[in-house]
Amino acid sequence: MRISCRATLPATDIEIATAVQQLLDRRGSMAHAPVSLTIPDNVAIGIAGFFVSATDSGQLMERFFRGGDVDSGEMLEAIRFEQGYASPEGHAALHCLAGWVAAQVHKQGG
């Protein structure tokens, strides 16, 4: 399923760190967090911007970061790949981005 982001400006580093921490805290306090509980769109593109690189997954992140639409399955695969190399903070941010992707698919009925 194709997904894209409505936001045009990425969140700042501080906004991303705050949003990731708040989301993980909220989801962690719930027994069954809804799929709709996710990061805002500008945080999603901000996280993608951290992982832009010359690799296939980095190029996919760049296309998403620049406002293009991407395949949700390919995005989740790129997220899993990047998590293998990310710092603990980057891994947590990518986890939140994966949740954002799942929420977009859910919204579209997928």
Protein backbone atom coordinates (compact mmCIF):
# COMPACT_ATOMS: atom_id res chain seq x y z
CA MET A 1 0.00 0.00 0.00
CA ARG A 2 1.34 3.44 -0.90
CA ILE A 3 1.72 5.91 1.94
CA SER A 4 2.85 9.51 2.13
CA CYS A 5 3.08 12.23 4.71
CA ARG A 6 0.90 15.32 4.85
CA ALA A 7 3.51 17.40 6.68
CA THR A 8 5.89 19.44 4.58
CA LEU A 9 8.39 20.50 7.25
CA PRO A 10 10.18 17.96 9.43
CA ALA A 11 10.22 18.28 13.20
CA THR A 12 13.40 19.54 14.85
CA ASP A 13 15.75 17.16 16.66
CA ILE A 14 14.34 18.26 20.04
CA GLU A 15 10.75 17.84 18.86
CA ILE A 16 11.57 14.35 17.58
CA ALA A 17 13.26 13.28 20.82
CA THR A 18 10.38 14.63 22.89
CA ALA A 19 7.68 13.05 20.72
CA VAL A 20 9.41 9.65 20.71
CA GLN A 21 9.83 9.68 24.50
CA GLN A 22 6.25 10.78 25.11
CA LEU A 23 4.84 8.18 22.72
CA LEU A 24 6.88 5.35 24.21
CA ASP A 25 5.82 6.42 27.72
CA ARG A 26 2.13 6.59 26.76
CA ARG A 27 2.16 3.28 24.88
CA GLY A 28 4.08 1.64 27.71
CA SER A 29 1.46 2.71 30.24
CA MET A 30 -1.35 1.00 28.30
CA ALA A 31 -2.10 -2.70 28.22
CA HIS A 32 -3.40 -2.47 24.65
CA ALA A 33 -2.42 0.78 22.95
CA PRO A 34 -4.48 1.60 19.86
CA VAL A 35 -2.73 1.56 16.49
CA SER A 36 -3.78 5.19 16.07
CA LEU A 37 -1.57 6.29 18.98
CA THR A 38 1.50 7.35 17.02
CA ILE A 39 3.91 10.17 16.31
CA PRO A 40 2.78 13.25 14.34
CA ASP A 41 3.49 13.43 10.61
CA ASN A 42 6.25 16.03 10.94
CA VAL A 43 8.06 13.77 13.41
CA ALA A 44 7.74 10.83 10.99
CA ILE A 45 9.46 12.74 8.20
CA GLY A 46 12.02 14.10 10.65
CA ILE A 47 12.96 10.56 11.69
CA ALA A 48 13.22 9.49 8.06
CA GLY A 49 15.57 12.42 7.49
CA PHE A 50 17.99 11.01 10.08
CA PHE A 51 18.40 7.85 8.02
CA VAL A 52 18.91 9.28 4.53
CA SER A 53 21.98 7.63 2.98
CA ALA A 54 23.31 6.05 -0.21
CA THR A 55 21.95 2.61 0.75
CA ASP A 56 18.69 1.32 -0.73
CA SER A 57 16.89 1.86 2.58
CA GLY A 58 18.46 5.31 2.93
CA GLN A 59 17.27 6.28 -0.55
CA LEU A 60 13.75 5.14 0.31
CA MET A 61 13.91 7.25 3.48
CA GLU A 62 15.06 10.20 1.37
CA ARG A 63 12.15 9.81 -1.08
CA PHE A 64 9.72 9.78 1.87
CA PHE A 65 11.54 12.69 3.56
CA ARG A 66 11.28 14.79 0.39
CA GLY A 67 7.52 14.28 0.21
CA GLY A 68 7.26 11.30 -2.07
CA ASP A 69 5.01 8.35 -1.52
CA VAL A 70 6.50 4.97 -0.66
CA ASP A 71 5.29 1.40 -0.39
CA SER A 72 4.45 0.62 3.24
CA GLY A 73 6.01 -2.85 3.05
CA GLU A 74 9.24 -1.45 1.61
CA MET A 75 9.25 1.25 4.29
CA LEU A 76 8.89 -1.31 7.08
CA GLU A 77 11.68 -3.38 5.52
CA ALA A 78 13.91 -0.27 5.38
CA ILE A 79 13.09 0.50 9.01
CA ARG A 80 14.05 -3.03 10.10
CA PHE A 81 17.30 -2.78 8.14
CA GLU A 82 18.21 0.59 9.66
CA GLN A 83 17.36 -0.65 13.17
CA GLY A 84 20.17 -3.17 12.79
CA TYR A 85 22.70 -0.34 12.65
CA ALA A 86 21.03 2.37 14.72
CA SER A 87 21.93 3.67 18.16
CA PRO A 88 19.45 2.86 20.95
CA GLU A 89 17.85 6.27 20.42
CA GLY A 90 17.70 5.75 16.67
CA HIS A 91 16.23 2.28 17.17
CA ALA A 92 13.48 3.75 19.37
CA ALA A 93 12.75 6.47 16.81
CA LEU A 94 12.55 3.88 14.03
CA HIS A 95 10.20 1.80 16.20
CA CYS A 96 7.92 4.83 16.42
CA LEU A 97 8.20 5.38 12.66
CA ALA A 98 7.15 1.75 12.09
CA GLY A 99 4.11 2.41 14.27
CA TRP A 100 3.32 5.49 12.20
CA VAL A 101 3.49 3.37 9.02
CA ALA A 102 1.15 0.78 10.57
CA ALA A 103 -1.30 3.54 11.51
CA GLN A 104 -1.29 4.89 7.94
CA VAL A 105 -2.02 1.43 6.56
CA HIS A 106 -4.78 0.97 9.13
CA LYS A 107 -6.34 4.35 8.19
CA GLN A 108 -6.43 3.27 4.56
CA GLY A 109 -8.15 0.03 5.46
CA GLY A 110 -5.13 -2.20 4.87
